[in-house]
Every structure is written in C-alpha cells, then in structure tokens.
Protein backbone atom coordinates (compact mmCIF):
# COMPACT_ATOMS: atom_id res chain seq x y z
CA MET A 1 119.02 146.86 152.49
CA TRP A 2 116.08 145.75 154.48
CA ARG A 3 114.97 144.61 157.45
CA LEU A 4 112.22 142.30 156.83
CA HIS A 5 108.82 141.35 158.55
CA ASP A 6 109.37 137.90 158.90
CA LYS A 7 113.20 136.45 158.32
CA LYS A 8 111.28 133.42 156.63
CA ASP A 9 110.97 135.78 153.54
CA ALA A 10 114.50 136.26 152.90
CA GLU A 11 114.85 133.60 150.44
CA GLU A 12 112.13 134.50 148.51
CA MET A 13 113.20 137.86 148.63
CA LYS A 14 116.23 136.73 147.02
CA THR A 15 115.12 135.23 144.37
CA VAL A 16 112.25 138.00 143.24
CA LEU A 17 115.46 140.60 143.17
CA LEU A 18 117.65 138.21 141.30
CA THR A 19 114.77 138.15 138.56
CA MET A 20 115.85 141.60 137.60
CA LYS A 21 118.94 140.40 135.80
CA GLY A 22 118.55 140.27 132.21
CA ASN A 23 114.89 141.79 132.82
CA VAL A 24 116.30 145.59 133.69
CA PRO A 25 118.40 146.77 131.07
CA SER A 26 119.81 149.59 133.04
CA LEU A 27 121.26 147.17 135.47
CA THR A 28 124.84 145.96 134.36
CA ASP A 29 125.27 143.64 137.42
CA ILE A 30 123.48 142.53 140.65
CA GLU A 31 124.47 140.81 144.01
CA VAL A 32 122.00 139.85 146.85
CA GLY A 33 122.67 138.46 150.15
CA ILE A 34 121.12 137.53 152.95
CA ASN A 35 122.36 138.14 156.25
CA ILE A 36 124.21 135.60 158.49
CA SER A 37 125.37 138.30 161.55
CA LYS A 38 123.60 138.24 164.96
CA HIS A 39 124.26 142.02 165.64
CA ASN A 40 121.18 143.44 166.80
CA ALA A 41 121.59 146.19 163.86
CA ALA A 42 121.98 143.91 160.82
CA TYR A 43 119.71 144.25 158.16
CA ASP A 44 118.26 140.79 156.62
CA ILE A 45 118.89 141.27 153.24
CA VAL A 46 121.03 143.43 150.82
CA PHE A 47 120.91 144.00 147.07
CA MET A 48 123.83 145.65 145.09
CA GLY A 49 123.50 146.73 141.60
CA SER A 50 126.20 148.05 139.31
CA PHE A 51 125.09 150.64 136.95
CA LYS A 52 126.83 152.09 133.80
CA ASN A 53 126.30 155.85 134.96
CA ALA A 54 123.92 158.24 136.96
CA ASP A 55 121.64 157.87 134.30
CA ALA A 56 121.28 154.42 133.92
CA LEU A 57 120.30 154.87 137.63
CA ALA A 58 118.11 156.95 136.92
CA GLU A 59 116.32 154.50 134.34
CA PHE A 60 116.21 152.11 137.11
CA GLU A 61 114.17 153.91 139.40
CA THR A 62 111.75 154.13 136.82
CA ASP A 63 111.89 150.69 135.20
CA GLU A 64 108.39 148.33 135.08
CA PHE A 65 110.09 146.14 135.76
CA HIS A 66 112.03 146.98 138.95
CA LYS A 67 108.55 148.65 140.27
CA SER A 68 106.79 145.73 139.69
CA ILE A 69 109.74 143.96 141.93
CA GLY A 70 108.82 146.77 144.61
CA LYS A 71 105.65 145.51 144.98
CA PHE A 72 106.62 142.66 146.39
CA VAL A 73 109.47 144.14 148.54
CA ASN A 74 106.76 146.47 149.98
CA LYS A 75 104.67 143.85 151.18
CA VAL A 76 107.57 142.15 152.99
CA ARG A 77 110.16 144.73 154.26
CA GLU A 78 109.90 146.53 157.50
CA SER A 79 112.64 149.22 157.17
CA ARG A 80 115.29 150.28 154.48
CA VAL A 81 118.50 151.85 153.85
CA VAL A 82 120.08 152.93 150.64
CA VAL A 83 123.42 154.09 149.85
CA GLU A 84 124.17 155.06 145.86
CA TYR A 85 127.94 155.97 145.40
CA GLU A 86 130.17 156.21 142.00
CA TYR A 87 133.28 153.98 142.10
C-alpha cells in the first residue's frame, strides 16, 4: 500500500501497476485498488499480487519489468507499507 504525494496520481499508478500482468512471469494474479475511505489513516492505493510460492515472490523482487515499475512508483509515493503472507 502506498500514500501518494498527490492523490491525482492514483489512476496513473493503477494503470502502471496493472501492466505487470502478463509481463512478470512469477506474478500469477494481480489486483490494484484505489482508496475510497475518508479515514485519515487510510493509504491511497493497494497492490495485491499472488505468487505460486516464496521462490516466485523472490523472483518478482528481482524481475526487471517489476523494477522498471518501481522507478515510477518511487517518484509518486510518499510512503509505503508491505505485508507478505502465505495462504
């Protein structure tokens, strides 16, 4: 999840994040949501990715396409939080 410097960047960020579908082999499913809450603790945008296993998640972290997305994200984000879990 990210807080953005400017909430107006949320739609573009969603579009950019969704380009990983089909371009990052280790990513089996992706969801991106833009916050609708007015709560002051809310973040602006969330990325939920699914991976076959922990090895696939590790591959995702080093994937060149994913890294290129990170360059854009780092420009527009104020802060981020991460949760990684198995189900």
